[in-house]
Amino acid sequence: MKRLYLMRHAETLFNKLGKIQGACDSPLTENGKLQAQKAKEMIKEEGIVFDGLYCSTQERASDTLEIVTNSSHYQRIKGLKEWHFGDFEGESERLNPKITPPATSYGEYFVEYGGESFLEVQERMKCSLLEIMTNANQSVLVVSHGGAIYSFSQLWLSFEKVKTLSFGNCAILVFEFDEAKQEFSFVEVLNP
């Protein structure tokens, strides 16, 4: 089976300031660079070797990937970008709506403000990762974003399980990929 290592980018300035960061971008903090370095060390200690490197087109993802792998040979893919939050971009995270059960996400909330729906993010992540894994060798690192990874995870795991996972900066969700069935199965979370 092929393995997907799906990693969230390291801490950014907007993460530190508590600002909504989807389509907009901000640089990695010094702490973020240290997080990425720790992830690099953990990957080395675990003996994990990648034969494919991918990330979203956003700078925070590519900067994280470059630190973690010490490589500039990777593919940037638009479909791996973070959820677009429309007019809420760059605003305080306090403005995010509350998610009340039985909802498991923001749903279509941001659409009326020029952003994306949960299902749109989920579908583009699914299509991008299926294409990567179908065309990839055996072990792939993909650096993406918390909201995008959260939406993708809900395709393959129950919400009860998703709620227990870490989506912190530099967390790596490991999935096995069954190419014949075009399905992912969750293995574990690696936290540097």
N, C-alpha and C. Protein backbone atom coordinates (compact mmCIF):
# COMPACT_ATOMS: atom_id res chain seq x y z
N MET A 1 0.83 -1.20 0.00
CA MET A 1 0.00 0.00 0.00
C MET A 1 0.88 1.26 0.00
N LYS A 2 0.38 2.26 -0.68
CA LYS A 2 1.06 3.54 -0.69
C LYS A 2 0.74 4.29 0.61
N ARG A 3 1.64 5.19 0.99
CA ARG A 3 1.45 5.97 2.21
C ARG A 3 1.43 7.46 1.90
N LEU A 4 0.43 8.13 2.47
CA LEU A 4 0.31 9.58 2.38
C LEU A 4 0.62 10.16 3.76
N TYR A 5 1.59 11.05 3.81
CA TYR A 5 1.90 11.80 5.02
C TYR A 5 1.37 13.22 4.80
N LEU A 6 0.24 13.53 5.41
CA LEU A 6 -0.47 14.79 5.18
C LEU A 6 -0.19 15.73 6.35
N MET A 7 0.61 16.72 6.10
CA MET A 7 1.15 17.59 7.15
C MET A 7 0.55 18.99 7.09
N ARG A 8 0.25 19.54 8.28
CA ARG A 8 -0.15 20.94 8.36
C ARG A 8 1.12 21.79 8.42
N HIS A 9 1.06 22.95 7.80
CA HIS A 9 2.20 23.88 7.81
C HIS A 9 2.57 24.30 9.23
N ALA A 10 3.75 24.86 9.40
CA ALA A 10 4.24 25.35 10.69
C ALA A 10 3.53 26.67 11.06
N GLU A 11 3.74 27.08 12.31
CA GLU A 11 3.09 28.30 12.81
C GLU A 11 3.46 29.53 11.98
N THR A 12 2.43 30.35 11.73
CA THR A 12 2.62 31.60 10.99
C THR A 12 2.32 32.80 11.89
N LEU A 13 2.63 33.97 11.38
CA LEU A 13 2.34 35.20 12.11
C LEU A 13 0.84 35.31 12.41
N PHE A 14 -0.02 34.98 11.43
CA PHE A 14 -1.47 35.07 11.66
C PHE A 14 -1.94 34.03 12.67
N ASN A 15 -1.34 32.84 12.67
CA ASN A 15 -1.66 31.86 13.72
C ASN A 15 -1.38 32.47 15.09
N LYS A 16 -0.21 33.07 15.22
CA LYS A 16 0.23 33.65 16.48
C LYS A 16 -0.70 34.80 16.91
N LEU A 17 -1.16 35.58 15.94
CA LEU A 17 -2.02 36.74 16.24
C LEU A 17 -3.49 36.38 16.34
N GLY A 18 -3.85 35.12 16.07
CA GLY A 18 -5.24 34.71 16.14
C GLY A 18 -6.08 35.29 15.01
N LYS A 19 -5.51 35.37 13.83
CA LYS A 19 -6.23 35.91 12.66
C LYS A 19 -6.63 34.78 11.72
N ILE A 20 -7.76 34.97 11.06
CA ILE A 20 -8.27 33.99 10.09
C ILE A 20 -7.36 34.01 8.87
N GLN A 21 -6.87 32.85 8.50
CA GLN A 21 -5.89 32.73 7.43
C GLN A 21 -6.28 31.57 6.53
N GLY A 22 -6.88 31.89 5.43
CA GLY A 22 -7.27 30.88 4.47
C GLY A 22 -6.54 31.14 3.17
N ALA A 23 -7.18 31.93 2.30
CA ALA A 23 -6.58 32.27 1.01
C ALA A 23 -5.44 33.26 1.18
N CYS A 24 -5.52 34.09 2.24
CA CYS A 24 -4.42 35.03 2.47
C CYS A 24 -3.26 34.27 3.11
N ASP A 25 -2.10 34.89 3.15
CA ASP A 25 -0.91 34.21 3.62
C ASP A 25 -0.17 35.09 4.61
N SER A 26 0.61 34.49 5.46
CA SER A 26 1.53 35.22 6.33
C SER A 26 2.75 34.35 6.54
N PRO A 27 3.87 34.98 6.89
CA PRO A 27 5.13 34.22 6.98
C PRO A 27 5.19 33.33 8.21
N LEU A 28 6.06 32.33 8.15
CA LEU A 28 6.33 31.49 9.31
C LEU A 28 6.99 32.34 10.40
N THR A 29 6.64 32.05 11.64
CA THR A 29 7.31 32.68 12.77
C THR A 29 8.61 31.93 13.05
N GLU A 30 9.43 32.49 13.94
CA GLU A 30 10.64 31.77 14.35
C GLU A 30 10.25 30.45 15.01
N ASN A 31 9.17 30.47 15.81
CA ASN A 31 8.68 29.24 16.42
C ASN A 31 8.23 28.25 15.34
N GLY A 32 7.60 28.75 14.30
CA GLY A 32 7.18 27.89 13.19
C GLY A 32 8.36 27.22 12.52
N LYS A 33 9.43 27.97 12.33
CA LYS A 33 10.64 27.39 11.73
C LYS A 33 11.22 26.30 12.62
N LEU A 34 11.16 26.52 13.94
CA LEU A 34 11.63 25.50 14.88
C LEU A 34 10.73 24.26 14.84
N GLN A 35 9.40 24.47 14.72
CA GLN A 35 8.47 23.35 14.60
C GLN A 35 8.80 22.50 13.38
N ALA A 36 9.05 23.17 12.25
CA ALA A 36 9.38 22.45 11.01
C ALA A 36 10.68 21.69 11.16
N GLN A 37 11.65 22.28 11.86
CA GLN A 37 12.93 21.60 12.10
C GLN A 37 12.72 20.36 12.97
N LYS A 38 11.85 20.47 13.98
CA LYS A 38 11.54 19.31 14.84
C LYS A 38 10.87 18.21 14.02
N ALA A 39 9.97 18.62 13.12
CA ALA A 39 9.31 17.63 12.25
C ALA A 39 10.34 16.92 11.38
N LYS A 40 11.29 17.67 10.86
CA LYS A 40 12.36 17.10 10.05
C LYS A 40 13.14 16.06 10.85
N GLU A 41 13.48 16.39 12.09
CA GLU A 41 14.23 15.47 12.94
C GLU A 41 13.41 14.21 13.26
N MET A 42 12.11 14.39 13.52
CA MET A 42 11.24 13.25 13.82
C MET A 42 11.15 12.31 12.62
N ILE A 43 10.99 12.88 11.43
CA ILE A 43 10.90 12.08 10.21
C ILE A 43 12.18 11.28 10.01
N LYS A 44 13.32 11.92 10.26
CA LYS A 44 14.61 11.23 10.13
C LYS A 44 14.72 10.10 11.15
N GLU A 45 14.35 10.39 12.41
CA GLU A 45 14.42 9.38 13.47
C GLU A 45 13.52 8.18 13.18
N GLU A 46 12.36 8.44 12.56
CA GLU A 46 11.40 7.38 12.23
C GLU A 46 11.84 6.59 10.99
N GLY A 47 12.86 7.09 10.29
CA GLY A 47 13.34 6.42 9.09
C GLY A 47 12.41 6.54 7.90
N ILE A 48 11.60 7.60 7.89
CA ILE A 48 10.64 7.81 6.80
C ILE A 48 11.35 8.47 5.63
N VAL A 49 11.17 7.89 4.45
CA VAL A 49 11.75 8.43 3.22
C VAL A 49 10.61 8.68 2.24
N PHE A 50 10.63 9.85 1.62
CA PHE A 50 9.58 10.22 0.67
C PHE A 50 10.08 10.11 -0.76
N ASP A 51 9.23 9.59 -1.63
CA ASP A 51 9.58 9.60 -3.05
C ASP A 51 8.69 10.56 -3.83
N GLY A 52 7.91 11.35 -3.12
CA GLY A 52 7.10 12.40 -3.73
C GLY A 52 6.87 13.51 -2.74
N LEU A 53 7.05 14.77 -3.17
CA LEU A 53 6.87 15.94 -2.31
C LEU A 53 5.91 16.92 -2.98
N TYR A 54 4.87 17.32 -2.23
CA TYR A 54 3.83 18.22 -2.76
C TYR A 54 3.40 19.18 -1.66
N CYS A 55 2.91 20.35 -2.08
CA CYS A 55 2.35 21.28 -1.11
C CYS A 55 1.36 22.20 -1.82
N SER A 56 0.63 22.95 -1.01
CA SER A 56 -0.27 23.95 -1.57
C SER A 56 0.58 25.07 -2.17
N THR A 57 -0.06 25.94 -2.89
CA THR A 57 0.67 27.04 -3.54
C THR A 57 0.93 28.19 -2.57
N GLN A 58 0.47 28.05 -1.34
CA GLN A 58 0.67 29.13 -0.38
C GLN A 58 2.05 29.04 0.26
N GLU A 59 2.65 30.21 0.47
CA GLU A 59 4.03 30.30 0.93
C GLU A 59 4.28 29.57 2.24
N ARG A 60 3.32 29.63 3.17
CA ARG A 60 3.53 28.98 4.46
C ARG A 60 3.69 27.47 4.33
N ALA A 61 3.04 26.89 3.32
CA ALA A 61 3.16 25.45 3.08
C ALA A 61 4.49 25.13 2.39
N SER A 62 4.85 25.91 1.38
CA SER A 62 6.11 25.62 0.68
C SER A 62 7.32 25.89 1.58
N ASP A 63 7.26 26.93 2.41
CA ASP A 63 8.37 27.19 3.34
C ASP A 63 8.53 26.04 4.33
N THR A 64 7.41 25.53 4.83
CA THR A 64 7.45 24.40 5.75
C THR A 64 8.07 23.18 5.07
N LEU A 65 7.60 22.88 3.87
CA LEU A 65 8.11 21.72 3.13
C LEU A 65 9.62 21.82 2.89
N GLU A 66 10.08 23.01 2.54
CA GLU A 66 11.51 23.19 2.26
C GLU A 66 12.35 22.96 3.51
N ILE A 67 11.86 23.41 4.67
CA ILE A 67 12.60 23.19 5.91
C ILE A 67 12.60 21.70 6.27
N VAL A 68 11.43 21.08 6.18
CA VAL A 68 11.27 19.68 6.58
C VAL A 68 12.09 18.74 5.71
N THR A 69 12.17 19.03 4.42
CA THR A 69 12.83 18.10 3.50
C THR A 69 14.20 18.57 3.02
N ASN A 70 14.52 19.84 3.26
CA ASN A 70 15.77 20.42 2.76
C ASN A 70 15.84 20.31 1.24
N SER A 71 14.68 20.41 0.60
CA SER A 71 14.62 20.24 -0.85
C SER A 71 13.81 21.37 -1.49
N SER A 72 14.20 21.71 -2.69
CA SER A 72 13.40 22.67 -3.47
C SER A 72 12.78 21.97 -4.68
N HIS A 73 12.83 20.65 -4.68
CA HIS A 73 12.27 19.85 -5.77
C HIS A 73 10.95 19.23 -5.33
N TYR A 74 9.88 19.95 -5.57
CA TYR A 74 8.54 19.51 -5.18
C TYR A 74 7.53 20.19 -6.09
N GLN A 75 6.29 19.72 -6.02
CA GLN A 75 5.22 20.31 -6.83
C GLN A 75 4.27 21.08 -5.94
N ARG A 76 3.91 22.28 -6.40
CA ARG A 76 2.90 23.09 -5.71
C ARG A 76 1.58 22.90 -6.46
N ILE A 77 0.52 22.61 -5.69
CA ILE A 77 -0.78 22.29 -6.29
C ILE A 77 -1.87 23.15 -5.67
N LYS A 78 -2.61 23.87 -6.52
CA LYS A 78 -3.66 24.79 -6.04
C LYS A 78 -4.74 24.09 -5.24
N GLY A 79 -5.06 22.87 -5.61
CA GLY A 79 -6.13 22.14 -4.94
C GLY A 79 -5.84 21.81 -3.49
N LEU A 80 -4.61 22.01 -3.05
CA LEU A 80 -4.21 21.73 -1.67
C LEU A 80 -4.26 22.97 -0.78
N LYS A 81 -4.73 24.10 -1.34
CA LYS A 81 -4.79 25.35 -0.60
C LYS A 81 -5.79 25.28 0.55
N GLU A 82 -5.66 26.23 1.46
CA GLU A 82 -6.57 26.30 2.59
C GLU A 82 -7.95 26.79 2.15
N TRP A 83 -8.94 26.53 2.96
CA TRP A 83 -10.30 27.00 2.80
C TRP A 83 -10.26 28.52 2.61
N HIS A 84 -11.00 29.01 1.63
CA HIS A 84 -11.10 30.46 1.40
C HIS A 84 -12.24 30.99 2.25
N PHE A 85 -11.93 31.92 3.16
CA PHE A 85 -12.91 32.44 4.10
C PHE A 85 -13.52 33.78 3.69
N GLY A 86 -13.30 34.17 2.43
CA GLY A 86 -13.95 35.37 1.90
C GLY A 86 -13.60 36.63 2.68
N ASP A 87 -14.62 37.44 3.01
CA ASP A 87 -14.42 38.71 3.69
C ASP A 87 -13.83 38.56 5.10
N PHE A 88 -13.82 37.35 5.62
CA PHE A 88 -13.28 37.11 6.95
C PHE A 88 -11.76 36.97 6.96
N GLU A 89 -11.15 36.88 5.78
CA GLU A 89 -9.70 36.73 5.69
C GLU A 89 -8.99 37.87 6.42
N GLY A 90 -8.04 37.51 7.27
CA GLY A 90 -7.24 38.50 7.99
C GLY A 90 -7.91 39.08 9.22
N GLU A 91 -9.17 38.71 9.46
CA GLU A 91 -9.89 39.21 10.63
C GLU A 91 -9.64 38.31 11.84
N SER A 92 -10.10 38.72 13.00
CA SER A 92 -9.91 37.95 14.22
C SER A 92 -10.63 36.62 14.15
N GLU A 93 -9.99 35.58 14.68
CA GLU A 93 -10.61 34.26 14.73
C GLU A 93 -11.88 34.26 15.60
N ARG A 94 -12.04 35.27 16.45
CA ARG A 94 -13.25 35.37 17.27
C ARG A 94 -14.50 35.52 16.41
N LEU A 95 -14.32 35.95 15.16
CA LEU A 95 -15.47 36.14 14.26
C LEU A 95 -15.95 34.84 13.62
N ASN A 96 -15.17 33.75 13.74
CA ASN A 96 -15.61 32.47 13.19
C ASN A 96 -16.92 32.06 13.85
N PRO A 97 -17.85 31.53 13.06
CA PRO A 97 -19.12 31.09 13.65
C PRO A 97 -18.91 29.87 14.54
N LYS A 98 -19.80 29.70 15.48
CA LYS A 98 -19.75 28.51 16.34
C LYS A 98 -20.33 27.33 15.57
N ILE A 99 -19.71 26.17 15.74
CA ILE A 99 -20.23 24.94 15.12
C ILE A 99 -21.04 24.22 16.19
N THR A 100 -22.34 24.08 15.91
CA THR A 100 -23.20 23.41 16.88
C THR A 100 -23.70 22.09 16.30
N PRO A 101 -23.65 21.03 17.11
CA PRO A 101 -24.10 19.71 16.64
C PRO A 101 -25.55 19.79 16.14
N PRO A 102 -25.90 19.06 15.10
CA PRO A 102 -25.12 17.97 14.52
C PRO A 102 -24.13 18.40 13.45
N ALA A 103 -23.97 19.71 13.21
CA ALA A 103 -23.00 20.18 12.21
C ALA A 103 -21.60 19.75 12.62
N THR A 104 -20.75 19.47 11.62
CA THR A 104 -19.36 19.06 11.88
C THR A 104 -18.37 20.03 11.24
N SER A 105 -18.89 21.14 10.69
CA SER A 105 -18.03 22.12 10.04
C SER A 105 -18.79 23.44 9.90
N TYR A 106 -18.15 24.40 9.25
CA TYR A 106 -18.81 25.69 8.98
C TYR A 106 -19.80 25.60 7.83
N GLY A 107 -19.85 24.45 7.17
CA GLY A 107 -20.81 24.25 6.08
C GLY A 107 -20.66 25.28 4.97
N GLU A 108 -21.73 25.98 4.67
CA GLU A 108 -21.72 26.97 3.59
C GLU A 108 -21.63 28.41 4.10
N TYR A 109 -21.33 28.56 5.38
CA TYR A 109 -21.35 29.87 6.02
C TYR A 109 -20.58 30.93 5.25
N PHE A 110 -19.38 30.62 4.77
CA PHE A 110 -18.52 31.64 4.17
C PHE A 110 -18.86 31.94 2.71
N VAL A 111 -19.72 31.16 2.10
CA VAL A 111 -20.07 31.36 0.68
C VAL A 111 -20.66 32.74 0.46
N GLU A 112 -21.58 33.17 1.31
CA GLU A 112 -22.22 34.48 1.11
C GLU A 112 -21.26 35.64 1.32
N TYR A 113 -20.07 35.35 1.85
CA TYR A 113 -19.05 36.38 2.06
C TYR A 113 -17.90 36.25 1.06
N GLY A 114 -18.14 35.50 -0.03
CA GLY A 114 -17.14 35.36 -1.08
C GLY A 114 -16.16 34.23 -0.87
N GLY A 115 -16.44 33.36 0.10
CA GLY A 115 -15.55 32.24 0.39
C GLY A 115 -16.07 30.93 -0.16
N GLU A 116 -15.52 29.84 0.33
CA GLU A 116 -15.88 28.50 -0.12
C GLU A 116 -16.74 27.78 0.92
N SER A 117 -17.44 26.76 0.43
CA SER A 117 -18.18 25.88 1.35
C SER A 117 -17.27 24.74 1.78
N PHE A 118 -17.66 24.09 2.85
CA PHE A 118 -16.94 22.91 3.35
C PHE A 118 -16.84 21.84 2.26
N LEU A 119 -17.95 21.60 1.56
CA LEU A 119 -17.95 20.55 0.53
C LEU A 119 -17.05 20.90 -0.64
N GLU A 120 -16.93 22.18 -0.98
CA GLU A 120 -16.02 22.58 -2.06
C GLU A 120 -14.57 22.29 -1.67
N VAL A 121 -14.22 22.63 -0.44
CA VAL A 121 -12.85 22.38 0.04
C VAL A 121 -12.59 20.87 0.06
N GLN A 122 -13.54 20.13 0.59
CA GLN A 122 -13.41 18.68 0.70
C GLN A 122 -13.22 18.03 -0.67
N GLU A 123 -14.00 18.46 -1.65
CA GLU A 123 -13.93 17.88 -2.99
C GLU A 123 -12.61 18.18 -3.68
N ARG A 124 -12.12 19.42 -3.58
CA ARG A 124 -10.85 19.73 -4.25
C ARG A 124 -9.68 19.05 -3.58
N MET A 125 -9.74 18.90 -2.25
CA MET A 125 -8.69 18.15 -1.55
C MET A 125 -8.72 16.69 -1.99
N LYS A 126 -9.91 16.11 -2.03
CA LYS A 126 -10.04 14.71 -2.43
C LYS A 126 -9.49 14.50 -3.85
N CYS A 127 -9.92 15.33 -4.78
CA CYS A 127 -9.46 15.19 -6.18
C CYS A 127 -7.94 15.34 -6.28
N SER A 128 -7.40 16.34 -5.59
CA SER A 128 -5.95 16.58 -5.65
C SER A 128 -5.17 15.41 -5.06
N LEU A 129 -5.61 14.92 -3.91
CA LEU A 129 -4.87 13.84 -3.25
C LEU A 129 -5.03 12.50 -3.97
N LEU A 130 -6.20 12.26 -4.55
CA LEU A 130 -6.36 11.05 -5.36
C LEU A 130 -5.44 11.07 -6.57
N GLU A 131 -5.34 12.23 -7.21
CA GLU A 131 -4.46 12.35 -8.38
C GLU A 131 -3.00 12.16 -7.98
N ILE A 132 -2.59 12.81 -6.89
CA ILE A 132 -1.21 12.66 -6.41
C ILE A 132 -0.89 11.20 -6.12
N MET A 133 -1.77 10.54 -5.36
CA MET A 133 -1.47 9.18 -4.93
C MET A 133 -1.57 8.17 -6.08
N THR A 134 -2.43 8.41 -7.03
CA THR A 134 -2.55 7.51 -8.18
C THR A 134 -1.30 7.60 -9.05
N ASN A 135 -0.73 8.81 -9.14
CA ASN A 135 0.45 9.02 -10.00
C ASN A 135 1.77 8.91 -9.24
N ALA A 136 1.70 8.72 -7.93
CA ALA A 136 2.90 8.73 -7.10
C ALA A 136 3.50 7.34 -6.94
N ASN A 137 4.68 7.33 -6.37
CA ASN A 137 5.32 6.07 -6.03
C ASN A 137 4.73 5.53 -4.74
N GLN A 138 5.49 5.34 -3.69
CA GLN A 138 5.01 4.66 -2.50
C GLN A 138 4.80 5.55 -1.28
N SER A 139 5.62 6.55 -1.09
CA SER A 139 5.60 7.34 0.14
C SER A 139 5.63 8.82 -0.19
N VAL A 140 4.54 9.52 0.13
CA VAL A 140 4.38 10.89 -0.32
C VAL A 140 4.16 11.83 0.86
N LEU A 141 4.87 12.95 0.87
CA LEU A 141 4.64 14.02 1.84
C LEU A 141 3.87 15.13 1.14
N VAL A 142 2.75 15.54 1.76
CA VAL A 142 1.95 16.66 1.27
C VAL A 142 1.80 17.64 2.41
N VAL A 143 2.19 18.90 2.19
CA VAL A 143 2.01 19.94 3.21
C VAL A 143 0.83 20.81 2.78
N SER A 144 -0.16 20.87 3.66
CA SER A 144 -1.39 21.61 3.39
C SER A 144 -1.75 22.44 4.63
N HIS A 145 -3.04 22.50 4.95
CA HIS A 145 -3.55 23.43 5.95
C HIS A 145 -4.59 22.78 6.85
N GLY A 146 -4.73 23.32 8.05
CA GLY A 146 -5.62 22.74 9.05
C GLY A 146 -7.04 22.51 8.59
N GLY A 147 -7.69 23.55 8.04
CA GLY A 147 -9.08 23.42 7.60
C GLY A 147 -9.23 22.45 6.43
N ALA A 148 -8.29 22.50 5.51
CA ALA A 148 -8.32 21.63 4.34
C ALA A 148 -8.12 20.16 4.75
N ILE A 149 -7.18 19.93 5.68
CA ILE A 149 -6.92 18.57 6.16
C ILE A 149 -8.12 18.06 6.96
N TYR A 150 -8.70 18.93 7.77
CA TYR A 150 -9.89 18.59 8.56
C TYR A 150 -11.03 18.16 7.64
N SER A 151 -11.25 18.89 6.56
CA SER A 151 -12.34 18.54 5.64
C SER A 151 -12.06 17.22 4.94
N PHE A 152 -10.83 17.01 4.49
CA PHE A 152 -10.45 15.77 3.82
C PHE A 152 -10.63 14.57 4.76
N SER A 153 -10.22 14.74 6.01
CA SER A 153 -10.28 13.65 6.99
C SER A 153 -11.70 13.15 7.21
N GLN A 154 -12.67 14.05 7.12
CA GLN A 154 -14.06 13.66 7.35
C GLN A 154 -14.62 12.76 6.25
N LEU A 155 -13.92 12.67 5.13
CA LEU A 155 -14.32 11.73 4.08
C LEU A 155 -14.03 10.29 4.48
N TRP A 156 -12.99 10.08 5.31
CA TRP A 156 -12.47 8.75 5.56
C TRP A 156 -12.62 8.28 7.00
N LEU A 157 -12.99 9.21 7.88
CA LEU A 157 -13.13 8.89 9.30
C LEU A 157 -14.44 9.41 9.85
N SER A 158 -14.96 8.75 10.86
CA SER A 158 -16.16 9.26 11.52
C SER A 158 -15.82 10.59 12.19
N PHE A 159 -16.81 11.43 12.36
CA PHE A 159 -16.56 12.71 13.01
C PHE A 159 -16.08 12.50 14.44
N GLU A 160 -16.58 11.46 15.10
CA GLU A 160 -16.13 11.16 16.46
C GLU A 160 -14.62 10.93 16.50
N LYS A 161 -14.09 10.24 15.48
CA LYS A 161 -12.64 10.00 15.40
C LYS A 161 -11.91 11.28 15.02
N VAL A 162 -12.45 12.03 14.06
CA VAL A 162 -11.81 13.27 13.62
C VAL A 162 -11.63 14.23 14.79
N LYS A 163 -12.62 14.29 15.67
CA LYS A 163 -12.55 15.20 16.82
C LYS A 163 -11.39 14.88 17.75
N THR A 164 -10.90 13.66 17.72
CA THR A 164 -9.81 13.26 18.62
C THR A 164 -8.43 13.51 18.01
N LEU A 165 -8.38 13.87 16.74
CA LEU A 165 -7.09 14.04 16.06
C LEU A 165 -6.50 15.42 16.31
N SER A 166 -5.19 15.51 16.22
CA SER A 166 -4.49 16.78 16.34
C SER A 166 -4.34 17.40 14.96
N PHE A 167 -4.75 18.66 14.85
CA PHE A 167 -4.54 19.40 13.61
C PHE A 167 -3.61 20.58 13.88
N GLY A 168 -2.75 20.44 14.89
CA GLY A 168 -1.82 21.51 15.24
C GLY A 168 -0.77 21.70 14.17
N ASN A 169 -0.03 22.79 14.29
CA ASN A 169 1.02 23.09 13.32
C ASN A 169 2.04 21.96 13.28
N CYS A 170 2.35 21.51 12.10
CA CYS A 170 3.31 20.44 11.78
C CYS A 170 2.83 19.04 12.18
N ALA A 171 1.57 18.90 12.58
CA ALA A 171 1.02 17.56 12.79
C ALA A 171 0.97 16.85 11.44
N ILE A 172 1.23 15.55 11.46
CA ILE A 172 1.22 14.75 10.22
C ILE A 172 0.21 13.63 10.38
N LEU A 173 -0.83 13.66 9.55
CA LEU A 173 -1.79 12.57 9.52
C LEU A 173 -1.32 11.56 8.48
N VAL A 174 -1.19 10.32 8.90
CA VAL A 174 -0.68 9.26 8.01
C VAL A 174 -1.87 8.43 7.54
N PHE A 175 -1.95 8.26 6.22
CA PHE A 175 -3.00 7.45 5.60
C PHE A 175 -2.34 6.41 4.70
N GLU A 176 -2.95 5.23 4.62
CA GLU A 176 -2.59 4.27 3.58
C GLU A 176 -3.56 4.49 2.42
N PHE A 177 -3.06 4.28 1.21
CA PHE A 177 -3.89 4.49 0.02
C PHE A 177 -4.00 3.19 -0.76
N ASP A 178 -5.24 2.74 -0.95
CA ASP A 178 -5.54 1.56 -1.74
C ASP A 178 -5.87 2.05 -3.15
N GLU A 179 -4.91 1.88 -4.05
CA GLU A 179 -5.07 2.41 -5.40
C GLU A 179 -6.22 1.73 -6.15
N ALA A 180 -6.40 0.44 -5.97
CA ALA A 180 -7.46 -0.28 -6.66
C ALA A 180 -8.84 0.23 -6.25
N LYS A 181 -9.02 0.50 -4.97
CA LYS A 181 -10.31 0.97 -4.47
C LYS A 181 -10.43 2.50 -4.47
N GLN A 182 -9.30 3.18 -4.69
CA GLN A 182 -9.25 4.64 -4.62
C GLN A 182 -9.75 5.13 -3.26
N GLU A 183 -9.22 4.51 -2.20
CA GLU A 183 -9.65 4.82 -0.84
C GLU A 183 -8.45 5.03 0.07
N PHE A 184 -8.64 5.91 1.04
CA PHE A 184 -7.64 6.16 2.06
C PHE A 184 -8.10 5.54 3.37
N SER A 185 -7.16 5.03 4.14
CA SER A 185 -7.47 4.55 5.49
C SER A 185 -6.47 5.17 6.45
N PHE A 186 -7.00 5.69 7.54
CA PHE A 186 -6.19 6.40 8.53
C PHE A 186 -5.32 5.42 9.30
N VAL A 187 -4.05 5.83 9.52
CA VAL A 187 -3.09 5.00 10.27
C VAL A 187 -2.80 5.62 11.64
N GLU A 188 -2.31 6.86 11.63
CA GLU A 188 -1.93 7.50 12.89
C GLU A 188 -1.64 8.98 12.66
N VAL A 189 -1.46 9.69 13.78
CA VAL A 189 -0.99 11.09 13.74
C VAL A 189 0.41 11.11 14.32
N LEU A 190 1.31 11.78 13.63
CA LEU A 190 2.67 12.00 14.13
C LEU A 190 2.79 13.46 14.55
N ASN A 191 3.15 13.69 15.80
CA ASN A 191 3.32 15.04 16.32
C ASN A 191 4.77 15.26 16.72
N PRO A 192 5.43 16.17 16.04
CA PRO A 192 6.84 16.44 16.39
C PRO A 192 6.96 17.10 17.76
